[in-house]
Amino acid sequence: MSFTRRQALQSSGAAALLAAVGRSAFAQAQPETLRIITGFAPGGTSDTICRRVATHMAGTYARTAVVDNRTGAGGQIAIQYVKAAAPDGTTLLQTPTSMLTIYPHIYRKLPYDPQTDLSPVSLGCQFDFGFAVGPAVPASVKNIADFLAWVKADPQRANFGSPAAGSTPHFLGALVGKSAGIDLKHVAYRGTQPAMLDLLGGNISAVSGPIGDITQHLPTGKVRILATSGAKRSRFAPDVPTFTEQGLKDMVHSEWFAFYLPAKASPEIVGRMNAALKATLAQKDVIDGLATFGLEAMSSTPTELADLIKRDTAKWAPIVKQVGFTADT
C-alpha cells in the first residue's frame, strides 16, 4: 500500500462531510477540550504537527485543543497514557511509526499492544530522514564515505545521536556503520532537537533524524547533511545525495506520523475524529506549515492506517535482526 500526495489530500470529501454535518450538530457533540498527546519534546517535528493540527481542531472538533508533551521511554509513556485514557474522543495520540512497528521486535515485553490497545484514526504526514554532522567533524568530510573514513581513523569519535533507542533513525545510523564494519556508538535522546543541540555544541559527531529537524539548523552554518533516506532526493534538501546514491543499497526508509484513539473508542467517535483530521490536514496553511519542517501532509482511512501498521511491522523484522539491537540487553 502506498499513499500519494494526491490521494492523501482529497480535501473536498472531508470538507463536504464537515459541511454536511453542520455547525449545530458539531457544537452539540463537541468536547470541551481535546488533548493531543506526543511522546517527544517541544520544537521537534512530532510536536510541530500536533500544534498545527490543534490550531484547526479547536472550534471544529472541540472547543479547545491543547498539546501535551509526555516524553520518555522513546515515546512509550505517551502511548501508555492514551491506552489508559477514556475512549470518549477527548484524548488523541500522535506517534511516529517506530513505537508501533519496530518496538515489538526489540522489546521482549511492551507495556502496550500496538494492534489491540489503540484505534487507528488517520495518517498525519510522511517524511524522510537525514544523516548530519556538526562542528566536531572536519569540513573536509562531505559525504558518507568521508565520514566513515574519518571515524575509522578516530574510533573515539565514532558516534551518532537519534531521537530514541529503537527508532527508525537509530537503525539507519547503525546500518551506516555496519556498511563499513564500524561500530557507531548510539546516543539516544528524548527527541531530535536535544540531539541537535548536542551536535551543535560539538558533543556528538552526527545525528540521524527527520530531515525537517535538521534543515531548520542549516542557517547556523554549523550543520551539514551528508545523506537522506528517501528513494529519491528530498525536495527539502535537493543538493544532498541519498544513501543509495552513495552506494548504501537497501537504505530507503521513510516514516509516517499518525493519529490514534484509545482502543475502545466507538466507530462514531473514530469516524468523527477522522473527518476532522482529514479536513485539518487538507488546509493550505497546515500543508505549507508542515512543509517548512520537511513534512508531507497526508491523511488516510482508519483501515488504511491499520493495514500500513501490519505491513511495516513485517518489513522491520529482518532489519532489526540484521542490526542485532534489542532494548533488553
C-alpha atoms as a PDB file:
ATOM      1  CA  MET A   1       0.000   0.000   0.000  1.00  0.00           C
ATOM      2  CA  SER A   2       1.282   3.484  -0.781  1.00  0.00           C
ATOM      3  CA  PHE A   3      -0.157   6.920  -0.194  1.00  0.00           C
ATOM      4  CA  THR A   4       0.435   9.645  -2.756  1.00  0.00           C
ATOM      5  CA  ARG A   5       0.031  13.327  -2.037  1.00  0.00           C
ATOM      6  CA  ARG A   6      -2.924  13.415  -4.431  1.00  0.00           C
ATOM      7  CA  GLN A   7      -4.664  10.548  -2.656  1.00  0.00           C
ATOM      8  CA  ALA A   8      -3.865  11.845   0.793  1.00  0.00           C
ATOM      9  CA  LEU A   9      -5.072  15.392   0.345  1.00  0.00           C
ATOM     10  CA  GLN A  10      -8.545  14.849  -1.037  1.00  0.00           C
ATOM     11  CA  SER A  11      -9.832  17.836   0.826  1.00  0.00           C
ATOM     12  CA  SER A  12     -13.150  18.166  -0.940  1.00  0.00           C
ATOM     13  CA  GLY A  13     -14.563  14.976   0.568  1.00  0.00           C
ATOM     14  CA  ALA A  14     -13.542  15.815   4.103  1.00  0.00           C
ATOM     15  CA  ALA A  15     -14.716  19.397   3.795  1.00  0.00           C
ATOM     16  CA  ALA A  16     -18.033  18.289   2.342  1.00  0.00           C
ATOM     17  CA  LEU A  17     -18.545  15.850   5.203  1.00  0.00           C
ATOM     18  CA  LEU A  18     -17.950  18.529   7.785  1.00  0.00           C
ATOM     19  CA  ALA A  19     -20.287  20.885   5.980  1.00  0.00           C
ATOM     20  CA  ALA A  20     -22.976  18.215   5.731  1.00  0.00           C
ATOM     21  CA  VAL A  21     -22.872  17.534   9.442  1.00  0.00           C
ATOM     22  CA  GLY A  22     -23.363  21.212  10.080  1.00  0.00           C
ATOM     23  CA  ARG A  23     -22.187  23.565  12.763  1.00  0.00           C
ATOM     24  CA  SER A  24     -25.051  22.897  15.161  1.00  0.00           C
ATOM     25  CA  ALA A  25     -24.548  19.126  15.174  1.00  0.00           C
ATOM     26  CA  PHE A  26     -20.840  19.530  15.784  1.00  0.00           C
ATOM     27  CA  ALA A  27     -21.467  22.029  18.550  1.00  0.00           C
ATOM     28  CA  GLN A  28     -23.704  19.522  20.365  1.00  0.00           C
ATOM     29  CA  ALA A  29     -21.074  16.770  20.112  1.00  0.00           C
ATOM     30  CA  GLN A  30     -18.032  18.944  20.788  1.00  0.00           C
ATOM     31  CA  PRO A  31     -15.890  18.005  23.776  1.00  0.00           C
ATOM     32  CA  GLU A  32     -14.759  20.917  25.893  1.00  0.00           C
ATOM     33  CA  THR A  33     -11.044  20.095  25.419  1.00  0.00           C
ATOM     34  CA  LEU A  34      -9.130  17.818  23.073  1.00  0.00           C
ATOM     35  CA  ARG A  35      -5.708  16.752  24.344  1.00  0.00           C
ATOM     36  CA  ILE A  36      -3.242  15.758  21.612  1.00  0.00           C
ATOM     37  CA  ILE A  37      -0.510  13.614  23.154  1.00  0.00           C
ATOM     38  CA  THR A  38       3.015  13.341  21.757  1.00  0.00           C
ATOM     39  CA  GLY A  39       5.923  11.444  23.278  1.00  0.00           C
ATOM     40  CA  PHE A  40       8.530  13.941  22.138  1.00  0.00           C
ATOM     41  CA  ALA A  41       9.830  17.333  23.222  1.00  0.00           C
ATOM     42  CA  PRO A  42       8.567  20.729  22.040  1.00  0.00           C
ATOM     43  CA  GLY A  43      10.243  22.110  18.937  1.00  0.00           C
ATOM     44  CA  GLY A  44      10.606  18.855  17.014  1.00  0.00           C
ATOM     45  CA  THR A  45       8.633  17.502  14.082  1.00  0.00           C
ATOM     46  CA  SER A  46       6.255  15.416  16.201  1.00  0.00           C
ATOM     47  CA  ASP A  47       5.395  18.431  18.321  1.00  0.00           C
ATOM     48  CA  THR A  48       5.048  20.609  15.228  1.00  0.00           C
ATOM     49  CA  ILE A  49       2.349  18.537  13.551  1.00  0.00           C
ATOM     50  CA  CYS A  50       0.454  18.314  16.850  1.00  0.00           C
ATOM     51  CA  ARG A  51       0.397  22.091  17.237  1.00  0.00           C
ATOM     52  CA  ARG A  52      -0.617  22.710  13.629  1.00  0.00           C
ATOM     53  CA  VAL A  53      -3.466  20.234  13.988  1.00  0.00           C
ATOM     54  CA  ALA A  54      -4.528  21.567  17.388  1.00  0.00           C
ATOM     55  CA  THR A  55      -4.954  25.069  15.946  1.00  0.00           C
ATOM     56  CA  HIS A  56      -7.578  23.837  13.486  1.00  0.00           C
ATOM     57  CA  MET A  57      -9.254  21.250  15.715  1.00  0.00           C
ATOM     58  CA  ALA A  58     -10.068  23.959  18.252  1.00  0.00           C
ATOM     59  CA  GLY A  59     -13.531  25.262  17.405  1.00  0.00           C
ATOM     60  CA  THR A  60     -14.290  22.454  14.949  1.00  0.00           C
ATOM     61  CA  TYR A  61     -13.845  19.127  16.703  1.00  0.00           C
ATOM     62  CA  ALA A  62     -13.569  20.519  20.248  1.00  0.00           C
ATOM     63  CA  ARG A  63     -13.986  23.930  21.839  1.00  0.00           C
ATOM     64  CA  THR A  64     -10.289  23.997  22.704  1.00  0.00           C
ATOM     65  CA  ALA A  65      -7.336  21.789  21.753  1.00  0.00           C
ATOM     66  CA  VAL A  66      -4.022  21.535  23.601  1.00  0.00           C
ATOM     67  CA  VAL A  67      -0.776  19.641  23.021  1.00  0.00           C
ATOM     68  CA  ASP A  68       0.571  17.518  25.861  1.00  0.00           C
ATOM     69  CA  ASN A  69       4.261  16.505  25.561  1.00  0.00           C
ATOM     70  CA  ARG A  70       4.676  13.315  27.606  1.00  0.00           C
ATOM     71  CA  THR A  71       8.274  12.463  26.883  1.00  0.00           C
ATOM     72  CA  GLY A  72      10.270   9.453  27.971  1.00  0.00           C
ATOM     73  CA  ALA A  73      10.960   5.793  27.179  1.00  0.00           C
ATOM     74  CA  GLY A  74      11.301   6.588  23.478  1.00  0.00           C
ATOM     75  CA  GLY A  75       7.635   7.528  23.071  1.00  0.00           C
ATOM     76  CA  GLN A  76       6.228   4.690  25.161  1.00  0.00           C
ATOM     77  CA  ILE A  77       4.997   6.902  28.012  1.00  0.00           C
ATOM     78  CA  ALA A  78       2.707   8.822  25.649  1.00  0.00           C
ATOM     79  CA  ILE A  79       1.258   5.607  24.241  1.00  0.00           C
ATOM     80  CA  GLN A  80       0.652   4.184  27.711  1.00  0.00           C
ATOM     81  CA  TYR A  81      -1.115   7.396  28.695  1.00  0.00           C
ATOM     82  CA  VAL A  82      -3.501   7.193  25.745  1.00  0.00           C
ATOM     83  CA  LYS A  83      -4.002   3.446  26.224  1.00  0.00           C
ATOM     84  CA  ALA A  84      -5.337   4.168  29.734  1.00  0.00           C
ATOM     85  CA  ALA A  85      -7.389   7.234  28.748  1.00  0.00           C
ATOM     86  CA  ALA A  86     -11.159   7.267  28.478  1.00  0.00           C
ATOM     87  CA  PRO A  87     -12.245   6.345  24.910  1.00  0.00           C
ATOM     88  CA  ASP A  88     -14.526   9.368  24.719  1.00  0.00           C
ATOM     89  CA  GLY A  89     -12.748  11.260  21.945  1.00  0.00           C
ATOM     90  CA  THR A  90     -11.013  13.771  24.221  1.00  0.00           C
ATOM     91  CA  THR A  91      -7.533  12.197  24.123  1.00  0.00           C
ATOM     92  CA  LEU A  92      -5.728  11.736  20.796  1.00  0.00           C
ATOM     93  CA  LEU A  93      -2.287  10.173  20.346  1.00  0.00           C
ATOM     94  CA  GLN A  94       0.114  11.278  17.647  1.00  0.00           C
ATOM     95  CA  THR A  95       3.139   8.995  17.277  1.00  0.00           C
ATOM     96  CA  PRO A  96       5.799   8.032  14.745  1.00  0.00           C
ATOM     97  CA  THR A  97       5.722   4.540  13.289  1.00  0.00           C
ATOM     98  CA  SER A  98       8.730   3.226  15.240  1.00  0.00           C
ATOM     99  CA  MET A  99       6.862   2.807  18.507  1.00  0.00           C
ATOM    100  CA  LEU A 100       4.289   0.569  16.810  1.00  0.00           C
ATOM    101  CA  THR A 101       6.206  -1.290  14.100  1.00  0.00           C
ATOM    102  CA  ILE A 102       9.807  -1.578  15.378  1.00  0.00           C
ATOM    103  CA  TYR A 103       9.431  -1.744  19.154  1.00  0.00           C
ATOM    104  CA  PRO A 104       7.575  -5.095  19.034  1.00  0.00           C
ATOM    105  CA  HIS A 105      10.787  -6.571  17.573  1.00  0.00           C
ATOM    106  CA  ILE A 106      13.227  -5.087  20.105  1.00  0.00           C
ATOM    107  CA  TYR A 107      11.352  -5.405  23.416  1.00  0.00           C
ATOM    108  CA  ARG A 108      10.530  -8.786  24.902  1.00  0.00           C
ATOM    109  CA  LYS A 109       7.584  -7.145  26.614  1.00  0.00           C
ATOM    110  CA  LEU A 110       5.976  -3.812  25.780  1.00  0.00           C
ATOM    111  CA  PRO A 111       3.538  -2.042  28.135  1.00  0.00           C
ATOM    112  CA  TYR A 112       1.085  -1.822  25.223  1.00  0.00           C
ATOM    113  CA  ASP A 113      -0.014  -3.884  22.232  1.00  0.00           C
ATOM    114  CA  PRO A 114       0.062  -1.806  19.013  1.00  0.00           C
ATOM    115  CA  GLN A 115      -2.646  -3.992  17.479  1.00  0.00           C
ATOM    116  CA  THR A 116      -5.168  -4.052  20.329  1.00  0.00           C
ATOM    117  CA  ASP A 117      -4.589  -1.069  22.641  1.00  0.00           C
ATOM    118  CA  LEU A 118      -5.107   1.709  20.088  1.00  0.00           C
ATOM    119  CA  SER A 119      -7.743   2.621  17.499  1.00  0.00           C
ATOM    120  CA  PRO A 120      -6.140   3.828  14.239  1.00  0.00           C
ATOM    121  CA  VAL A 121      -7.692   7.078  13.018  1.00  0.00           C
ATOM    122  CA  SER A 122      -5.598   8.642  10.250  1.00  0.00           C
ATOM    123  CA  LEU A 123      -2.148   9.237   8.879  1.00  0.00           C
ATOM    124  CA  GLY A 124      -0.820  12.722   9.519  1.00  0.00           C
ATOM    125  CA  CYS A 125       2.323  13.093   7.435  1.00  0.00           C
ATOM    126  CA  GLN A 126       5.259  11.321   5.848  1.00  0.00           C
ATOM    127  CA  PHE A 127       8.928  12.316   5.766  1.00  0.00           C
ATOM    128  CA  ASP A 128      12.486  11.211   5.023  1.00  0.00           C
ATOM    129  CA  PHE A 129      15.471  11.142   7.368  1.00  0.00           C
ATOM    130  CA  GLY A 130      18.808  12.880   7.175  1.00  0.00           C
ATOM    131  CA  PHE A 131      22.252  11.943   8.474  1.00  0.00           C
ATOM    132  CA  ALA A 132      24.035  15.111   9.537  1.00  0.00           C
ATOM    133  CA  VAL A 133      27.334  16.132  11.085  1.00  0.00           C
ATOM    134  CA  GLY A 134      28.312  19.180  13.112  1.00  0.00           C
ATOM    135  CA  PRO A 135      31.309  21.187  14.374  1.00  0.00           C
ATOM    136  CA  ALA A 136      33.059  18.110  15.795  1.00  0.00           C
ATOM    137  CA  VAL A 137      33.572  16.800  12.251  1.00  0.00           C
ATOM    138  CA  PRO A 138      36.145  18.441   9.909  1.00  0.00           C
ATOM    139  CA  ALA A 139      34.851  20.430   6.941  1.00  0.00           C
ATOM    140  CA  SER A 140      36.678  18.009   4.664  1.00  0.00           C
ATOM    141  CA  VAL A 141      34.013  15.380   5.475  1.00  0.00           C
ATOM    142  CA  LYS A 142      31.454  15.932   2.742  1.00  0.00           C
ATOM    143  CA  ASN A 143      29.732  12.561   2.276  1.00  0.00           C
ATOM    144  CA  ILE A 144      29.103   9.205   3.948  1.00  0.00           C
ATOM    145  CA  ALA A 145      32.351   7.670   2.659  1.00  0.00           C
ATOM    146  CA  ASP A 146      34.331  10.596   4.097  1.00  0.00           C
ATOM    147  CA  PHE A 147      32.562  10.266   7.440  1.00  0.00           C
ATOM    148  CA  LEU A 148      33.205   6.539   7.691  1.00  0.00           C
ATOM    149  CA  ALA A 149      36.888   7.017   6.842  1.00  0.00           C
ATOM    150  CA  TRP A 150      37.155   9.749   9.487  1.00  0.00           C
ATOM    151  CA  VAL A 151      35.571   7.722  12.308  1.00  0.00           C
ATOM    152  CA  LYS A 152      37.594   4.665  11.315  1.00  0.00           C
ATOM    153  CA  ALA A 153      40.747   6.719  11.813  1.00  0.00           C
ATOM    154  CA  ASP A 154      39.444   8.141  15.119  1.00  0.00           C
ATOM    155  CA  PRO A 155      37.198   5.497  16.771  1.00  0.00           C
ATOM    156  CA  GLN A 156      36.579   7.676  19.833  1.00  0.00           C
ATOM    157  CA  ARG A 157      34.536   9.978  17.563  1.00  0.00           C
ATOM    158  CA  ALA A 158      32.501   7.100  16.097  1.00  0.00           C
ATOM    159  CA  ASN A 159      29.099   8.075  17.485  1.00  0.00           C
ATOM    160  CA  PHE A 160      25.730   9.465  16.479  1.00  0.00           C
ATOM    161  CA  GLY A 161      22.542  10.616  18.194  1.00  0.00           C
ATOM    162  CA  SER A 162      18.912   9.842  17.410  1.00  0.00           C
ATOM    163  CA  PRO A 163      15.518  10.788  18.879  1.00  0.00           C
ATOM    164  CA  ALA A 164      15.054   7.419  20.621  1.00  0.00           C
ATOM    165  CA  ALA A 165      16.630   3.998  21.070  1.00  0.00           C
ATOM    166  CA  GLY A 166      14.934   1.561  18.708  1.00  0.00           C
ATOM    167  CA  SER A 167      13.577   4.298  16.440  1.00  0.00           C
ATOM    168  CA  THR A 168      13.932   4.313  12.664  1.00  0.00           C
ATOM    169  CA  PRO A 169      16.775   6.889  12.708  1.00  0.00           C
ATOM    170  CA  HIS A 170      18.590   4.782  15.311  1.00  0.00           C
ATOM    171  CA  PHE A 171      18.569   1.819  12.929  1.00  0.00           C
ATOM    172  CA  LEU A 172      19.561   3.978   9.959  1.00  0.00           C
ATOM    173  CA  GLY A 173      22.628   5.223  11.841  1.00  0.00           C
ATOM    174  CA  ALA A 174      23.526   1.683  12.897  1.00  0.00           C
ATOM    175  CA  LEU A 175      23.225   0.485   9.279  1.00  0.00           C
ATOM    176  CA  VAL A 176      25.569   3.277   8.142  1.00  0.00           C
ATOM    177  CA  GLY A 177      28.235   1.934  10.500  1.00  0.00           C
ATOM    178  CA  LYS A 178      27.608  -1.702   9.573  1.00  0.00           C
ATOM    179  CA  SER A 179      28.067  -0.874   5.887  1.00  0.00           C
ATOM    180  CA  ALA A 180      31.769  -0.312   6.650  1.00  0.00           C
ATOM    181  CA  GLY A 181      32.183  -2.715   9.546  1.00  0.00           C
ATOM    182  CA  ILE A 182      32.338   0.153  12.042  1.00  0.00           C
ATOM    183  CA  ASP A 183      30.605   0.176  15.414  1.00  0.00           C
ATOM    184  CA  LEU A 184      28.973   3.602  15.532  1.00  0.00           C
ATOM    185  CA  LYS A 185      28.075   4.187  19.173  1.00  0.00           C
ATOM    186  CA  HIS A 186      24.439   5.255  19.515  1.00  0.00           C
ATOM    187  CA  VAL A 187      23.339   8.041  21.870  1.00  0.00           C
ATOM    188  CA  ALA A 188      19.579   8.127  22.491  1.00  0.00           C
ATOM    189  CA  TYR A 189      17.771  11.406  23.231  1.00  0.00           C
ATOM    190  CA  ARG A 190      14.213  12.431  24.072  1.00  0.00           C
ATOM    191  CA  GLY A 191      13.545  13.745  20.599  1.00  0.00           C
ATOM    192  CA  THR A 192      15.751  15.020  17.777  1.00  0.00           C
ATOM    193  CA  GLN A 193      16.070  18.604  18.992  1.00  0.00           C
ATOM    194  CA  PRO A 194      18.041  17.702  22.156  1.00  0.00           C
ATOM    195  CA  ALA A 195      20.331  15.635  19.909  1.00  0.00           C
ATOM    196  CA  MET A 196      20.754  18.586  17.547  1.00  0.00           C
ATOM    197  CA  LEU A 197      21.738  20.847  20.436  1.00  0.00           C
ATOM    198  CA  ASP A 198      24.495  18.414  21.396  1.00  0.00           C
ATOM    199  CA  LEU A 199      25.541  18.209  17.734  1.00  0.00           C
ATOM    200  CA  LEU A 200      25.765  21.996  17.515  1.00  0.00           C
ATOM    201  CA  GLY A 201      27.773  22.024  20.727  1.00  0.00           C
ATOM    202  CA  GLY A 202      30.281  19.547  19.324  1.00  0.00           C
ATOM    203  CA  ASN A 203      29.404  16.906  21.907  1.00  0.00           C
ATOM    204  CA  ILE A 204      28.487  14.235  19.343  1.00  0.00           C
ATOM    205  CA  SER A 205      29.708  13.685  15.804  1.00  0.00           C
ATOM    206  CA  ALA A 206      26.471  13.062  13.927  1.00  0.00           C
ATOM    207  CA  VAL A 207      22.690  12.925  14.196  1.00  0.00           C
ATOM    208  CA  SER A 208      20.270  10.667  12.367  1.00  0.00           C
ATOM    209  CA  GLY A 209      16.794  12.200  12.431  1.00  0.00           C
ATOM    210  CA  PRO A 210      13.828  13.577  10.492  1.00  0.00           C
ATOM    211  CA  ILE A 211      15.006  15.822   7.676  1.00  0.00           C
ATOM    212  CA  GLY A 212      12.971  18.780   8.950  1.00  0.00           C
ATOM    213  CA  ASP A 213      14.575  18.623  12.386  1.00  0.00           C
ATOM    214  CA  ILE A 214      17.939  19.043  10.688  1.00  0.00           C
ATOM    215  CA  THR A 215      17.217  21.564   7.923  1.00  0.00           C
ATOM    216  CA  GLN A 216      15.965  24.160  10.405  1.00  0.00           C
ATOM    217  CA  HIS A 217      19.527  24.340  11.773  1.00  0.00           C
ATOM    218  CA  LEU A 218      21.265  24.755   8.409  1.00  0.00           C
ATOM    219  CA  PRO A 219      21.211  28.584   8.635  1.00  0.00           C
ATOM    220  CA  THR A 220      23.651  28.368  11.569  1.00  0.00           C
ATOM    221  CA  GLY A 221      26.313  27.150   9.150  1.00  0.00           C
ATOM    222  CA  LYS A 222      27.358  24.523  11.691  1.00  0.00           C
ATOM    223  CA  VAL A 223      25.392  21.573  10.314  1.00  0.00           C
ATOM    224  CA  ARG A 224      25.957  19.583   7.125  1.00  0.00           C
ATOM    225  CA  ILE A 225      23.621  16.859   5.852  1.00  0.00           C
ATOM    226  CA  LEU A 226      25.611  14.008   4.335  1.00  0.00           C
ATOM    227  CA  ALA A 227      22.726  11.835   3.098  1.00  0.00           C
ATOM    228  CA  THR A 228      18.964  11.445   3.030  1.00  0.00           C
ATOM    229  CA  SER A 229      16.929   8.238   3.281  1.00  0.00           C
ATOM    230  CA  GLY A 230      14.314   8.516   0.532  1.00  0.00           C
ATOM    231  CA  ALA A 231      14.058   6.661  -2.757  1.00  0.00           C
ATOM    232  CA  LYS A 232      14.903   9.979  -4.423  1.00  0.00           C
ATOM    233  CA  ARG A 233      16.409  13.227  -3.223  1.00  0.00           C
ATOM    234  CA  SER A 234      14.364  15.160  -0.726  1.00  0.00           C
ATOM    235  CA  ARG A 235      12.735  18.302  -2.028  1.00  0.00           C
ATOM    236  CA  PHE A 236      13.738  19.847   1.285  1.00  0.00           C
ATOM    237  CA  ALA A 237      17.449  19.143   0.667  1.00  0.00           C
ATOM    238  CA  PRO A 238      17.746  18.699  -3.118  1.00  0.00           C
ATOM    239  CA  ASP A 239      21.530  19.080  -3.191  1.00  0.00           C
ATOM    240  CA  VAL A 240      22.091  16.182  -0.772  1.00  0.00           C
ATOM    241  CA  PRO A 241      22.518  12.717  -2.329  1.00  0.00           C
ATOM    242  CA  THR A 242      20.541   9.791  -0.942  1.00  0.00           C
ATOM    243  CA  PHE A 243      22.131   6.842   0.836  1.00  0.00           C
ATOM    244  CA  THR A 244      21.541   4.691  -2.247  1.00  0.00           C
ATOM    245  CA  GLU A 245      23.237   7.243  -4.497  1.00  0.00           C
ATOM    246  CA  GLN A 246      26.271   6.833  -2.248  1.00  0.00           C
ATOM    247  CA  GLY A 247      26.332   3.061  -2.569  1.00  0.00           C
ATOM    248  CA  LEU A 248      24.365   2.078   0.541  1.00  0.00           C
ATOM    249  CA  LYS A 249      21.805  -0.181  -1.064  1.00  0.00           C
ATOM    250  CA  ASP A 250      18.571  -1.098   0.747  1.00  0.00           C
ATOM    251  CA  MET A 251      18.799   2.170   2.718  1.00  0.00           C
ATOM    252  CA  VAL A 252      15.461   3.548   1.532  1.00  0.00           C
ATOM    253  CA  HIS A 253      13.310   4.375   4.528  1.00  0.00           C
ATOM    254  CA  SER A 254      10.616   6.978   5.038  1.00  0.00           C
ATOM    255  CA  GLU A 255       8.441   7.274   8.109  1.00  0.00           C
ATOM    256  CA  TRP A 256       4.941   8.416   8.925  1.00  0.00           C
ATOM    257  CA  PHE A 257       3.294  10.070  11.875  1.00  0.00           C
ATOM    258  CA  ALA A 258      -0.288   9.065  12.573  1.00  0.00           C
ATOM    259  CA  PHE A 259      -3.161   9.625  14.987  1.00  0.00           C
ATOM    260  CA  TYR A 260      -4.834   7.114  17.300  1.00  0.00           C
ATOM    261  CA  LEU A 261      -7.602   6.984  19.889  1.00  0.00           C
ATOM    262  CA  PRO A 262      -7.821   4.550  22.821  1.00  0.00           C
ATOM    263  CA  ALA A 263      -8.815   1.029  21.749  1.00  0.00           C
ATOM    264  CA  LYS A 264     -12.446   1.138  22.847  1.00  0.00           C
ATOM    265  CA  ALA A 265     -13.374   4.368  21.078  1.00  0.00           C
ATOM    266  CA  SER A 266     -16.692   3.894  19.311  1.00  0.00           C
ATOM    267  CA  PRO A 267     -16.895   3.789  15.498  1.00  0.00           C
ATOM    268  CA  GLU A 268     -18.851   7.067  15.642  1.00  0.00           C
ATOM    269  CA  ILE A 269     -16.070   8.830  17.562  1.00  0.00           C
ATOM    270  CA  VAL A 270     -13.367   7.359  15.303  1.00  0.00           C
ATOM    271  CA  GLY A 271     -15.311   8.473  12.226  1.00  0.00           C
ATOM    272  CA  ARG A 272     -15.872  11.994  13.534  1.00  0.00           C
ATOM    273  CA  MET A 273     -12.201  12.337  14.502  1.00  0.00           C
ATOM    274  CA  ASN A 274     -11.119  11.015  11.111  1.00  0.00           C
ATOM    275  CA  ALA A 275     -13.301  13.553   9.291  1.00  0.00           C
ATOM    276  CA  ALA A 276     -11.957  16.404  11.419  1.00  0.00           C
ATOM    277  CA  LEU A 277      -8.345  15.338  10.857  1.00  0.00           C
ATOM    278  CA  LYS A 278      -8.822  14.942   7.106  1.00  0.00           C
ATOM    279  CA  ALA A 279     -10.281  18.431   6.854  1.00  0.00           C
ATOM    280  CA  THR A 280      -7.476  19.852   9.002  1.00  0.00           C
ATOM    281  CA  LEU A 281      -4.658  18.136   7.082  1.00  0.00           C
ATOM    282  CA  ALA A 282      -6.088  19.439   3.792  1.00  0.00           C
ATOM    283  CA  GLN A 283      -5.847  23.089   4.880  1.00  0.00           C
ATOM    284  CA  LYS A 284      -3.270  25.044   2.858  1.00  0.00           C
ATOM    285  CA  ASP A 285      -1.707  26.676   5.906  1.00  0.00           C
ATOM    286  CA  VAL A 286      -1.260  23.249   7.516  1.00  0.00           C
ATOM    287  CA  ILE A 287       0.264  21.766   4.346  1.00  0.00           C
ATOM    288  CA  ASP A 288       2.613  24.743   3.912  1.00  0.00           C
ATOM    289  CA  GLY A 289       3.430  24.918   7.608  1.00  0.00           C
ATOM    290  CA  LEU A 290       4.380  21.250   7.807  1.00  0.00           C
ATOM    291  CA  ALA A 291       6.466  21.582   4.643  1.00  0.00           C
ATOM    292  CA  THR A 292       8.694  24.110   6.405  1.00  0.00           C
ATOM    293  CA  PHE A 293       9.657  21.250   8.732  1.00  0.00           C
ATOM    294  CA  GLY A 294      10.198  18.719   5.952  1.00  0.00           C
ATOM    295  CA  LEU A 295       6.824  17.022   6.443  1.00  0.00           C
ATOM    296  CA  GLU A 296       4.435  15.985   3.656  1.00  0.00           C
ATOM    297  CA  ALA A 297       0.878  16.302   4.995  1.00  0.00           C
ATOM    298  CA  MET A 298      -1.422  13.365   4.264  1.00  0.00           C
ATOM    299  CA  SER A 299      -4.441  11.560   5.660  1.00  0.00           C
ATOM    300  CA  SER A 300      -5.993   8.094   5.366  1.00  0.00           C
ATOM    301  CA  THR A 301      -8.915   5.983   6.459  1.00  0.00           C
ATOM    302  CA  PRO A 302      -8.618   4.042   9.744  1.00  0.00           C
ATOM    303  CA  THR A 303      -8.494   0.776   7.773  1.00  0.00           C
ATOM    304  CA  GLU A 304      -5.660   2.008   5.546  1.00  0.00           C
ATOM    305  CA  LEU A 305      -3.674   3.008   8.617  1.00  0.00           C
ATOM    306  CA  ALA A 306      -4.261  -0.360  10.300  1.00  0.00           C
ATOM    307  CA  ASP A 307      -3.044  -2.160   7.161  1.00  0.00           C
ATOM    308  CA  LEU A 308       0.043   0.077   6.993  1.00  0.00           C
ATOM    309  CA  ILE A 309       0.981  -0.800  10.581  1.00  0.00           C
ATOM    310  CA  LYS A 310       0.833  -4.521   9.775  1.00  0.00           C
ATOM    311  CA  ARG A 311       2.891  -4.127   6.610  1.00  0.00           C
ATOM    312  CA  ASP A 312       5.640  -2.057   8.219  1.00  0.00           C
ATOM    313  CA  THR A 313       5.814  -4.326  11.263  1.00  0.00           C
ATOM    314  CA  ALA A 314       6.654  -7.211   8.931  1.00  0.00           C
ATOM    315  CA  LYS A 315       9.170  -5.100   6.975  1.00  0.00           C
ATOM    316  CA  TRP A 316      11.234  -4.216  10.041  1.00  0.00           C
ATOM    317  CA  ALA A 317      11.621  -7.750  11.411  1.00  0.00           C
ATOM    318  CA  PRO A 318      14.631  -8.711   9.229  1.00  0.00           C
ATOM    319  CA  ILE A 319      16.247  -5.266   9.590  1.00  0.00           C
ATOM    320  CA  VAL A 320      16.162  -5.455  13.382  1.00  0.00           C
ATOM    321  CA  LYS A 321      17.672  -8.942  13.199  1.00  0.00           C
ATOM    322  CA  GLN A 322      20.461  -7.664  10.919  1.00  0.00           C
ATOM    323  CA  VAL A 323      21.390  -4.825  13.284  1.00  0.00           C
ATOM    324  CA  GLY A 324      21.166  -7.115  16.290  1.00  0.00           C
ATOM    325  CA  PHE A 325      19.782  -4.486  18.685  1.00  0.00           C
ATOM    326  CA  THR A 326      17.409  -5.348  21.492  1.00  0.00           C
ATOM    327  CA  ALA A 327      16.284  -2.920  24.156  1.00  0.00           C
ATOM    328  CA  ASP A 328      16.505  -5.581  26.854  1.00  0.00           C
ATOM    329  CA  THR A 329      20.283  -6.048  26.629  1.00  0.00           C
END
